[in-house]
């Protein structure tokens, strides 16, 4: 139960933060990954590169998981809430929004 609470908090930081930037993400229930749609029909490699270049954030391109992963990147909730909040701030400061 303690681990569930930790991962729920981390999930909420990412979901709420990205939703404020224009994404429309729904909370996941049973995983410590979040799949995020890319911007403006970018492919997953392009969006991963954009995040790395503009923010220093490393995400996993969805294409690495097969054709149905294309158009998404995967964020792992394996770091603490403070680091996830920092990642959201970097995305916002870089002007990367889904609006």
PDB file of N, CA and C in Angstrom:
ATOM      1  N   UNK A   1       0.825  -1.198   0.000  1.00  0.00           N
ATOM      2  CA  UNK A   1       0.000   0.000   0.000  1.00  0.00           C
ATOM      3  C   UNK A   1       0.871   1.265   0.000  1.00  0.00           C
ATOM      4  N   UNK A   2       1.991   1.215   0.698  1.00  0.00           N
ATOM      5  CA  UNK A   2       2.892   2.368   0.737  1.00  0.00           C
ATOM      6  C   UNK A   2       3.417   2.688  -0.664  1.00  0.00           C
ATOM      7  N   UNK A   3       3.810   1.652  -1.409  1.00  0.00           N
ATOM      8  CA  UNK A   3       4.324   1.862  -2.765  1.00  0.00           C
ATOM      9  C   UNK A   3       3.227   2.395  -3.688  1.00  0.00           C
ATOM     10  N   UNK A   4       2.011   1.896  -3.526  1.00  0.00           N
ATOM     11  CA  UNK A   4       0.897   2.403  -4.335  1.00  0.00           C
ATOM     12  C   UNK A   4       0.718   3.899  -4.130  1.00  0.00           C
ATOM     13  N   UNK A   5       0.816   4.331  -2.888  1.00  0.00           N
ATOM     14  CA  UNK A   5       0.656   5.751  -2.565  1.00  0.00           C
ATOM     15  C   UNK A   5       1.773   6.579  -3.203  1.00  0.00           C
ATOM     16  N   UNK A   6       2.992   6.074  -3.157  1.00  0.00           N
ATOM     17  CA  UNK A   6       4.130   6.777  -3.756  1.00  0.00           C
ATOM     18  C   UNK A   6       3.927   6.933  -5.260  1.00  0.00           C
ATOM     19  N   UNK A   7       3.585   5.827  -5.939  1.00  0.00           N
ATOM     20  CA  UNK A   7       3.422   5.890  -7.393  1.00  0.00           C
ATOM     21  C   UNK A   7       2.186   6.681  -7.803  1.00  0.00           C
ATOM     22  N   UNK A   8       1.144   6.651  -6.992  1.00  0.00           N
ATOM     23  CA  UNK A   8      -0.036   7.474  -7.282  1.00  0.00           C
ATOM     24  C   UNK A   8       0.326   8.952  -7.221  1.00  0.00           C
ATOM     25  N   UNK A   9       1.106   9.345  -6.229  1.00  0.00           N
ATOM     26  CA  UNK A   9       1.551  10.738  -6.129  1.00  0.00           C
ATOM     27  C   UNK A   9       2.385  11.150  -7.326  1.00  0.00           C
ATOM     28  N   UNK A  10       3.300  10.299  -7.734  1.00  0.00           N
ATOM     29  CA  UNK A  10       4.144  10.593  -8.897  1.00  0.00           C
ATOM     30  C   UNK A  10       3.302  10.698 -10.165  1.00  0.00           C
ATOM     31  N   UNK A  11       2.387   9.753 -10.327  1.00  0.00           N
ATOM     32  CA  UNK A  11       1.497   9.771 -11.491  1.00  0.00           C
ATOM     33  C   UNK A  11       0.713  11.074 -11.534  1.00  0.00           C
ATOM     34  N   UNK A  12       0.191  11.496 -10.399  1.00  0.00           N
ATOM     35  CA  UNK A  12      -0.613  12.712 -10.351  1.00  0.00           C
ATOM     36  C   UNK A  12       0.201  13.953 -10.694  1.00  0.00           C
ATOM     37  N   UNK A  13       1.455  13.998 -10.275  1.00  0.00           N
ATOM     38  CA  UNK A  13       2.323  15.129 -10.627  1.00  0.00           C
ATOM     39  C   UNK A  13       2.432  15.250 -12.144  1.00  0.00           C
ATOM     40  N   UNK A  14       2.688  14.132 -12.811  1.00  0.00           N
ATOM     41  CA  UNK A  14       2.868  14.160 -14.266  1.00  0.00           C
ATOM     42  C   UNK A  14       1.551  14.440 -14.977  1.00  0.00           C
ATOM     43  N   UNK A  15       0.507  13.717 -14.623  1.00  0.00           N
ATOM     44  CA  UNK A  15      -0.796  13.893 -15.283  1.00  0.00           C
ATOM     45  C   UNK A  15      -1.299  15.324 -15.104  1.00  0.00           C
ATOM     46  N   UNK A  16      -1.319  15.816 -13.884  1.00  0.00           N
ATOM     47  CA  UNK A  16      -1.825  17.170 -13.626  1.00  0.00           C
ATOM     48  C   UNK A  16      -0.959  18.227 -14.294  1.00  0.00           C
ATOM     49  N   UNK A  17       0.355  18.045 -14.228  1.00  0.00           N
ATOM     50  CA  UNK A  17       1.260  19.012 -14.837  1.00  0.00           C
ATOM     51  C   UNK A  17       1.109  19.091 -16.343  1.00  0.00           C
ATOM     52  N   UNK A  18       1.056  17.940 -17.001  1.00  0.00           N
ATOM     53  CA  UNK A  18       0.923  17.948 -18.459  1.00  0.00           C
ATOM     54  C   UNK A  18      -0.474  18.384 -18.891  1.00  0.00           C
ATOM     55  N   UNK A  19      -1.488  18.045 -18.122  1.00  0.00           N
ATOM     56  CA  UNK A  19      -2.835  18.507 -18.466  1.00  0.00           C
ATOM     57  C   UNK A  19      -2.924  20.036 -18.409  1.00  0.00           C
ATOM     58  N   UNK A  20      -2.191  20.663 -17.499  1.00  0.00           N
ATOM     59  CA  UNK A  20      -2.157  22.131 -17.454  1.00  0.00           C
ATOM     60  C   UNK A  20      -1.482  22.713 -18.689  1.00  0.00           C
ATOM     61  N   UNK A  21      -0.676  21.896 -19.364  1.00  0.00           N
ATOM     62  CA  UNK A  21       0.012  22.343 -20.579  1.00  0.00           C
ATOM     63  C   UNK A  21      -0.729  21.916 -21.844  1.00  0.00           C
ATOM     64  N   UNK A  22      -1.963  21.453 -21.693  1.00  0.00           N
ATOM     65  CA  UNK A  22      -2.803  21.186 -22.851  1.00  0.00           C
ATOM     66  C   UNK A  22      -3.032  19.733 -23.209  1.00  0.00           C
ATOM     67  N   UNK A  23      -2.343  18.819 -22.548  1.00  0.00           N
ATOM     68  CA  UNK A  23      -2.615  17.406 -22.814  1.00  0.00           C
ATOM     69  C   UNK A  23      -3.941  17.045 -22.168  1.00  0.00           C
ATOM     70  N   UNK A  24      -4.505  15.932 -22.555  1.00  0.00           N
ATOM     71  CA  UNK A  24      -5.742  15.437 -21.954  1.00  0.00           C
ATOM     72  C   UNK A  24      -5.493  13.996 -21.512  1.00  0.00           C
ATOM     73  N   UNK A  25      -4.697  13.851 -20.465  1.00  0.00           N
ATOM     74  CA  UNK A  25      -4.288  12.530 -20.001  1.00  0.00           C
ATOM     75  C   UNK A  25      -5.197  12.051 -18.888  1.00  0.00           C
ATOM     76  N   UNK A  26      -5.490  10.777 -18.909  1.00  0.00           N
ATOM     77  CA  UNK A  26      -6.285  10.145 -17.855  1.00  0.00           C
ATOM     78  C   UNK A  26      -5.338   9.353 -16.955  1.00  0.00           C
ATOM     79  N   UNK A  27      -5.601   9.337 -15.662  1.00  0.00           N
ATOM     80  CA  UNK A  27      -4.739   8.580 -14.746  1.00  0.00           C
ATOM     81  C   UNK A  27      -4.736   7.083 -15.071  1.00  0.00           C
ATOM     82  N   UNK A  28      -3.555   6.497 -15.035  1.00  0.00           N
ATOM     83  CA  UNK A  28      -3.426   5.054 -15.188  1.00  0.00           C
ATOM     84  C   UNK A  28      -3.674   4.407 -13.832  1.00  0.00           C
ATOM     85  N   UNK A  29      -4.019   3.132 -13.838  1.00  0.00           N
ATOM     86  CA  UNK A  29      -4.337   2.480 -12.568  1.00  0.00           C
ATOM     87  C   UNK A  29      -3.314   1.438 -12.140  1.00  0.00           C
ATOM     88  N   UNK A  30      -2.610   0.853 -13.068  1.00  0.00           N
ATOM     89  CA  UNK A  30      -1.807  -0.305 -12.664  1.00  0.00           C
ATOM     90  C   UNK A  30      -0.423  -0.344 -13.302  1.00  0.00           C
ATOM     91  N   UNK A  31       0.182   0.797 -13.494  1.00  0.00           N
ATOM     92  CA  UNK A  31       1.505   0.795 -14.101  1.00  0.00           C
ATOM     93  C   UNK A  31       2.316   1.973 -13.587  1.00  0.00           C
ATOM     94  N   UNK A  32       3.618   1.882 -13.687  1.00  0.00           N
ATOM     95  CA  UNK A  32       4.438   3.026 -13.298  1.00  0.00           C
ATOM     96  C   UNK A  32       5.045   3.702 -14.514  1.00  0.00           C
ATOM     97  N   UNK A  33       4.309   3.647 -15.615  1.00  0.00           N
ATOM     98  CA  UNK A  33       4.655   4.377 -16.836  1.00  0.00           C
ATOM     99  C   UNK A  33       3.450   5.201 -17.257  1.00  0.00           C
ATOM    100  N   UNK A  34       3.726   6.307 -17.940  1.00  0.00           N
ATOM    101  CA  UNK A  34       2.649   7.094 -18.537  1.00  0.00           C
ATOM    102  C   UNK A  34       2.976   7.257 -20.011  1.00  0.00           C
ATOM    103  N   UNK A  35       2.003   6.954 -20.840  1.00  0.00           N
ATOM    104  CA  UNK A  35       2.143   7.125 -22.287  1.00  0.00           C
ATOM    105  C   UNK A  35       1.577   8.493 -22.653  1.00  0.00           C
ATOM    106  N   UNK A  36       2.395   9.301 -23.319  1.00  0.00           N
ATOM    107  CA  UNK A  36       2.022  10.670 -23.648  1.00  0.00           C
ATOM    108  C   UNK A  36       1.988  10.839 -25.160  1.00  0.00           C
ATOM    109  N   UNK A  37       0.883  11.361 -25.702  1.00  0.00           N
ATOM    110  CA  UNK A  37       0.843  11.620 -27.144  1.00  0.00           C
ATOM    111  C   UNK A  37       1.864  12.688 -27.527  1.00  0.00           C
ATOM    112  N   UNK A  38       2.454  12.520 -28.683  1.00  0.00           N
ATOM    113  CA  UNK A  38       3.414  13.500 -29.179  1.00  0.00           C
ATOM    114  C   UNK A  38       2.688  14.749 -29.666  1.00  0.00           C
ATOM    115  N   UNK A  39       3.447  15.774 -30.003  1.00  0.00           N
ATOM    116  CA  UNK A  39       2.873  17.032 -30.480  1.00  0.00           C
ATOM    117  C   UNK A  39       2.598  16.996 -31.973  1.00  0.00           C
ATOM    118  N   UNK A  40       1.498  17.562 -32.373  1.00  0.00           N
ATOM    119  CA  UNK A  40       1.214  17.836 -33.786  1.00  0.00           C
ATOM    120  C   UNK A  40       1.614  16.705 -34.719  1.00  0.00           C
ATOM    121  N   UNK A  41       1.264  15.510 -34.334  1.00  0.00           N
ATOM    122  CA  UNK A  41       1.531  14.328 -35.160  1.00  0.00           C
ATOM    123  C   UNK A  41       3.011  14.076 -35.413  1.00  0.00           C
ATOM    124  N   UNK A  42       3.875  14.605 -34.533  1.00  0.00           N
ATOM    125  CA  UNK A  42       5.301  14.267 -34.604  1.00  0.00           C
ATOM    126  C   UNK A  42       5.437  12.778 -34.373  1.00  0.00           C
ATOM    127  N   UNK A  43       6.466  12.180 -34.978  1.00  0.00           N
ATOM    128  CA  UNK A  43       6.683  10.785 -34.618  1.00  0.00           C
ATOM    129  C   UNK A  43       7.384  10.734 -33.263  1.00  0.00           C
ATOM    130  N   UNK A  44       7.398   9.569 -32.682  1.00  0.00           N
ATOM    131  CA  UNK A  44       7.890   9.449 -31.306  1.00  0.00           C
ATOM    132  C   UNK A  44       9.384   9.748 -31.189  1.00  0.00           C
ATOM    133  N   UNK A  45      10.156   9.452 -32.223  1.00  0.00           N
ATOM    134  CA  UNK A  45      11.589   9.770 -32.190  1.00  0.00           C
ATOM    135  C   UNK A  45      11.803  11.282 -32.223  1.00  0.00           C
ATOM    136  N   UNK A  46      11.060  11.972 -33.088  1.00  0.00           N
ATOM    137  CA  UNK A  46      11.177  13.437 -33.175  1.00  0.00           C
ATOM    138  C   UNK A  46      10.838  14.094 -31.837  1.00  0.00           C
ATOM    139  N   UNK A  47       9.749  13.649 -31.228  1.00  0.00           N
ATOM    140  CA  UNK A  47       9.317  14.249 -29.969  1.00  0.00           C
ATOM    141  C   UNK A  47      10.306  13.940 -28.846  1.00  0.00           C
ATOM    142  N   UNK A  48      10.828  12.732 -28.835  1.00  0.00           N
ATOM    143  CA  UNK A  48      11.852  12.372 -27.843  1.00  0.00           C
ATOM    144  C   UNK A  48      13.078  13.254 -27.994  1.00  0.00           C
ATOM    145  N   UNK A  49      13.501  13.460 -29.247  1.00  0.00           N
ATOM    146  CA  UNK A  49      14.655  14.325 -29.515  1.00  0.00           C
ATOM    147  C   UNK A  49      14.382  15.765 -29.091  1.00  0.00           C
ATOM    148  N   UNK A  50      13.169  16.263 -29.372  1.00  0.00           N
ATOM    149  CA  UNK A  50      12.792  17.620 -28.985  1.00  0.00           C
ATOM    150  C   UNK A  50      12.885  17.793 -27.467  1.00  0.00           C
ATOM    151  N   UNK A  51      12.330  16.851 -26.731  1.00  0.00           N
ATOM    152  CA  UNK A  51      12.385  16.941 -25.269  1.00  0.00           C
ATOM    153  C   UNK A  51      13.820  16.907 -24.764  1.00  0.00           C
ATOM    154  N   UNK A  52      14.641  16.055 -25.344  1.00  0.00           N
ATOM    155  CA  UNK A  52      16.034  15.969 -24.916  1.00  0.00           C
ATOM    156  C   UNK A  52      16.780  17.264 -25.215  1.00  0.00           C
ATOM    157  N   UNK A  53      16.620  17.778 -26.433  1.00  0.00           N
ATOM    158  CA  UNK A  53      17.346  18.984 -26.844  1.00  0.00           C
ATOM    159  C   UNK A  53      16.894  20.228 -26.095  1.00  0.00           C
ATOM    160  N   UNK A  54      15.592  20.394 -25.908  1.00  0.00           N
ATOM    161  CA  UNK A  54      15.057  21.627 -25.309  1.00  0.00           C
ATOM    162  C   UNK A  54      14.998  21.597 -23.785  1.00  0.00           C
ATOM    163  N   UNK A  55      14.923  20.387 -23.199  1.00  0.00           N
ATOM    164  CA  UNK A  55      14.708  20.309 -21.753  1.00  0.00           C
ATOM    165  C   UNK A  55      15.701  19.413 -21.015  1.00  0.00           C
ATOM    166  N   UNK A  56      16.415  18.579 -21.741  1.00  0.00           N
ATOM    167  CA  UNK A  56      17.314  17.627 -21.102  1.00  0.00           C
ATOM    168  C   UNK A  56      16.595  16.414 -20.524  1.00  0.00           C
ATOM    169  N   UNK A  57      15.318  16.265 -20.851  1.00  0.00           N
ATOM    170  CA  UNK A  57      14.519  15.148 -20.344  1.00  0.00           C
ATOM    171  C   UNK A  57      14.616  13.974 -21.315  1.00  0.00           C
ATOM    172  N   UNK A  58      14.866  12.806 -20.762  1.00  0.00           N
ATOM    173  CA  UNK A  58      14.933  11.591 -21.571  1.00  0.00           C
ATOM    174  C   UNK A  58      13.638  10.811 -21.389  1.00  0.00           C
ATOM    175  N   UNK A  59      12.972  10.535 -22.511  1.00  0.00           N
ATOM    176  CA  UNK A  59      11.780   9.690 -22.523  1.00  0.00           C
ATOM    177  C   UNK A  59      12.026   8.567 -23.523  1.00  0.00           C
ATOM    178  N   UNK A  60      11.194   7.563 -23.483  1.00  0.00           N
ATOM    179  CA  UNK A  60      11.333   6.435 -24.392  1.00  0.00           C
ATOM    180  C   UNK A  60      10.378   6.609 -25.565  1.00  0.00           C
ATOM    181  N   UNK A  61      10.894   6.610 -26.810  1.00  0.00           N
ATOM    182  CA  UNK A  61      10.015   6.704 -27.973  1.00  0.00           C
ATOM    183  C   UNK A  61       9.098   5.480 -28.054  1.00  0.00           C
ATOM    184  N   UNK A  62       7.850   5.717 -28.323  1.00  0.00           N
ATOM    185  CA  UNK A  62       6.883   4.628 -28.389  1.00  0.00           C
ATOM    186  C   UNK A  62       7.149   3.621 -29.484  1.00  0.00           C
ATOM    187  N   UNK A  63       7.769   4.049 -30.569  1.00  0.00           N
ATOM    188  CA  UNK A  63       8.015   3.143 -31.686  1.00  0.00           C
ATOM    189  C   UNK A  63       8.851   1.943 -31.246  1.00  0.00           C
ATOM    190  N   UNK A  64       9.627   2.102 -30.200  1.00  0.00           N
ATOM    191  CA  UNK A  64      10.424   0.990 -29.684  1.00  0.00           C
ATOM    192  C   UNK A  64       9.579  -0.157 -29.153  1.00  0.00           C
ATOM    193  N   UNK A  65       8.285   0.078 -28.987  1.00  0.00           N
ATOM    194  CA  UNK A  65       7.369  -0.948 -28.489  1.00  0.00           C
ATOM    195  C   UNK A  65       6.450  -1.464 -29.589  1.00  0.00           C
ATOM    196  N   UNK A  66       6.768  -1.120 -30.826  1.00  0.00           N
ATOM    197  CA  UNK A  66       5.978  -1.601 -31.953  1.00  0.00           C
ATOM    198  C   UNK A  66       5.153  -0.495 -32.583  1.00  0.00           C
ATOM    199  N   UNK A  67       4.487  -0.844 -33.655  1.00  0.00           N
ATOM    200  CA  UNK A  67       3.758   0.153 -34.443  1.00  0.00           C
ATOM    201  C   UNK A  67       2.680   0.887 -33.646  1.00  0.00           C
ATOM    202  N   UNK A  68       2.075   0.232 -32.676  1.00  0.00           N
ATOM    203  CA  UNK A  68       1.012   0.885 -31.905  1.00  0.00           C
ATOM    204  C   UNK A  68       1.555   1.875 -30.879  1.00  0.00           C
ATOM    205  N   UNK A  69       2.853   1.840 -30.655  1.00  0.00           N
ATOM    206  CA  UNK A  69       3.483   2.808 -29.763  1.00  0.00           C
ATOM    207  C   UNK A  69       3.850   4.107 -30.460  1.00  0.00           C
ATOM    208  N   UNK A  70       3.812   4.087 -31.801  1.00  0.00           N
ATOM    209  CA  UNK A  70       4.154   5.299 -32.551  1.00  0.00           C
ATOM    210  C   UNK A  70       3.147   6.398 -32.238  1.00  0.00           C
ATOM    211  N   UNK A  71       3.653   7.628 -32.129  1.00  0.00           N
ATOM    212  CA  UNK A  71       2.795   8.756 -31.781  1.00  0.00           C
ATOM    213  C   UNK A  71       2.739   9.011 -30.284  1.00  0.00           C
ATOM    214  N   UNK A  72       3.499   8.217 -29.526  1.00  0.00           N
ATOM    215  CA  UNK A  72       3.541   8.353 -28.070  1.00  0.00           C
ATOM    216  C   UNK A  72       4.985   8.264 -27.580  1.00  0.00           C
ATOM    217  N   UNK A  73       5.222   8.822 -26.406  1.00  0.00           N
ATOM    218  CA  UNK A  73       6.464   8.575 -25.675  1.00  0.00           C
ATOM    219  C   UNK A  73       6.073   8.061 -24.296  1.00  0.00           C
ATOM    220  N   UNK A  74       7.003   7.371 -23.672  1.00  0.00           N
ATOM    221  CA  UNK A  74       6.726   6.782 -22.366  1.00  0.00           C
ATOM    222  C   UNK A  74       7.590   7.448 -21.307  1.00  0.00           C
ATOM    223  N   UNK A  75       6.945   7.871 -20.228  1.00  0.00           N
ATOM    224  CA  UNK A  75       7.647   8.442 -19.082  1.00  0.00           C
ATOM    225  C   UNK A  75       7.549   7.442 -17.932  1.00  0.00           C
ATOM    226  N   UNK A  76       8.686   7.163 -17.321  1.00  0.00           N
ATOM    227  CA  UNK A  76       8.711   6.260 -16.168  1.00  0.00           C
ATOM    228  C   UNK A  76       8.551   7.070 -14.884  1.00  0.00           C
ATOM    229  N   UNK A  77       7.782   6.539 -13.981  1.00  0.00           N
ATOM    230  CA  UNK A  77       7.533   7.194 -12.692  1.00  0.00           C
ATOM    231  C   UNK A  77       8.488   6.661 -11.630  1.00  0.00           C
ATOM    232  N   UNK A  78       9.729   6.441 -12.021  1.00  0.00           N
ATOM    233  CA  UNK A  78      10.708   5.809 -11.133  1.00  0.00           C
ATOM    234  C   UNK A  78      11.599   6.809 -10.405  1.00  0.00           C
ATOM    235  N   UNK A  79      11.318   8.097 -10.572  1.00  0.00           N
ATOM    236  CA  UNK A  79      12.051   9.126  -9.832  1.00  0.00           C
ATOM    237  C   UNK A  79      11.077   9.831  -8.891  1.00  0.00           C
ATOM    238  N   UNK A  80      11.602  10.557  -7.921  1.00  0.00           N
ATOM    239  CA  UNK A  80      10.722  11.161  -6.918  1.00  0.00           C
ATOM    240  C   UNK A  80       9.907  12.328  -7.485  1.00  0.00           C
ATOM    241  N   UNK A  81       8.898  12.728  -6.722  1.00  0.00           N
ATOM    242  CA  UNK A  81       7.974  13.779  -7.166  1.00  0.00           C
ATOM    243  C   UNK A  81       8.695  15.079  -7.495  1.00  0.00           C
ATOM    244  N   UNK A  82       9.694  15.422  -6.717  1.00  0.00           N
ATOM    245  CA  UNK A  82      10.425  16.671  -6.961  1.00  0.00           C
ATOM    246  C   UNK A  82      11.059  16.669  -8.354  1.00  0.00           C
ATOM    247  N   UNK A  83      11.663  15.563  -8.749  1.00  0.00           N
ATOM    248  CA  UNK A  83      12.276  15.462 -10.081  1.00  0.00           C
ATOM    249  C   UNK A  83      11.215  15.533 -11.180  1.00  0.00           C
ATOM    250  N   UNK A  84      10.067  14.912 -10.944  1.00  0.00           N
ATOM    251  CA  UNK A  84       8.986  14.961 -11.927  1.00  0.00           C
ATOM    252  C   UNK A  84       8.429  16.380 -12.051  1.00  0.00           C
ATOM    253  N   UNK A  85       8.297  17.085 -10.930  1.00  0.00           N
ATOM    254  CA  UNK A  85       7.854  18.485 -10.968  1.00  0.00           C
ATOM    255  C   UNK A  85       8.848  19.333 -11.755  1.00  0.00           C
ATOM    256  N   UNK A  86      10.133  19.077 -11.542  1.00  0.00           N
ATOM    257  CA  UNK A  86      11.170  19.800 -12.280  1.00  0.00           C
ATOM    258  C   UNK A  86      11.054  19.524 -13.778  1.00  0.00           C
ATOM    259  N   UNK A  87      10.773  18.291 -14.147  1.00  0.00           N
ATOM    260  CA  UNK A  87      10.617  17.947 -15.561  1.00  0.00           C
ATOM    261  C   UNK A  87       9.445  18.708 -16.180  1.00  0.00           C
ATOM    262  N   UNK A  88       8.336  18.777 -15.471  1.00  0.00           N
ATOM    263  CA  UNK A  88       7.166  19.514 -15.969  1.00  0.00           C
ATOM    264  C   UNK A  88       7.518  20.994 -16.122  1.00  0.00           C
ATOM    265  N   UNK A  89       8.226  21.555 -15.161  1.00  0.00           N
ATOM    266  CA  UNK A  89       8.644  22.961 -15.248  1.00  0.00           C
ATOM    267  C   UNK A  89       9.537  23.192 -16.461  1.00  0.00           C
ATOM    268  N   UNK A  90      10.441  22.279 -16.723  1.00  0.00           N
ATOM    269  CA  UNK A  90      11.317  22.416 -17.892  1.00  0.00           C
ATOM    270  C   UNK A  90      10.519  22.385 -19.193  1.00  0.00           C
ATOM    271  N   UNK A  91       9.540  21.494 -19.256  1.00  0.00           N
ATOM    272  CA  UNK A  91       8.694  21.410 -20.452  1.00  0.00           C
ATOM    273  C   UNK A  91       7.943  22.721 -20.640  1.00  0.00           C
ATOM    274  N   UNK A  92       7.397  23.245 -19.558  1.00  0.00           N
ATOM    275  CA  UNK A  92       6.660  24.510 -19.626  1.00  0.00           C
ATOM    276  C   UNK A  92       7.575  25.657 -20.047  1.00  0.00           C
ATOM    277  N   UNK A  93       8.751  25.766 -19.442  1.00  0.00           N
ATOM    278  CA  UNK A  93       9.692  26.843 -19.778  1.00  0.00           C
ATOM    279  C   UNK A  93      10.154  26.769 -21.223  1.00  0.00           C
ATOM    280  N   UNK A  94      10.202  25.561 -21.777  1.00  0.00           N
ATOM    281  CA  UNK A  94      10.609  25.385 -23.172  1.00  0.00           C
ATOM    282  C   UNK A  94       9.466  25.703 -24.135  1.00  0.00           C
ATOM    283  N   UNK A  95       8.278  25.968 -23.595  1.00  0.00           N
ATOM    284  CA  UNK A  95       7.134  26.303 -24.441  1.00  0.00           C
ATOM    285  C   UNK A  95       6.543  25.105 -25.163  1.00  0.00           C
ATOM    286  N   UNK A  96       6.772  23.932 -24.625  1.00  0.00           N
ATOM    287  CA  UNK A  96       6.245  22.712 -25.244  1.00  0.00           C
ATOM    288  C   UNK A  96       4.870  22.447 -24.647  1.00  0.00           C
ATOM    289  N   UNK A  97       3.849  22.693 -25.439  1.00  0.00           N
ATOM    290  CA  UNK A  97       2.475  22.487 -24.987  1.00  0.00           C
ATOM    291  C   UNK A  97       1.691  21.761 -26.067  1.00  0.00           C
ATOM    292  N   UNK A  98       0.597  21.182 -25.670  1.00  0.00           N
ATOM    293  CA  UNK A  98      -0.258  20.438 -26.598  1.00  0.00           C
ATOM    294  C   UNK A  98      -1.402  21.320 -27.090  1.00  0.00           C
ATOM    295  N   UNK A  99      -1.326  22.613 -26.830  1.00  0.00           N
ATOM    296  CA  UNK A  99      -2.419  23.519 -27.226  1.00  0.00           C
ATOM    297  C   UNK A  99      -2.228  24.019 -28.633  1.00  0.00           C
TER     298      UNK A  99
END
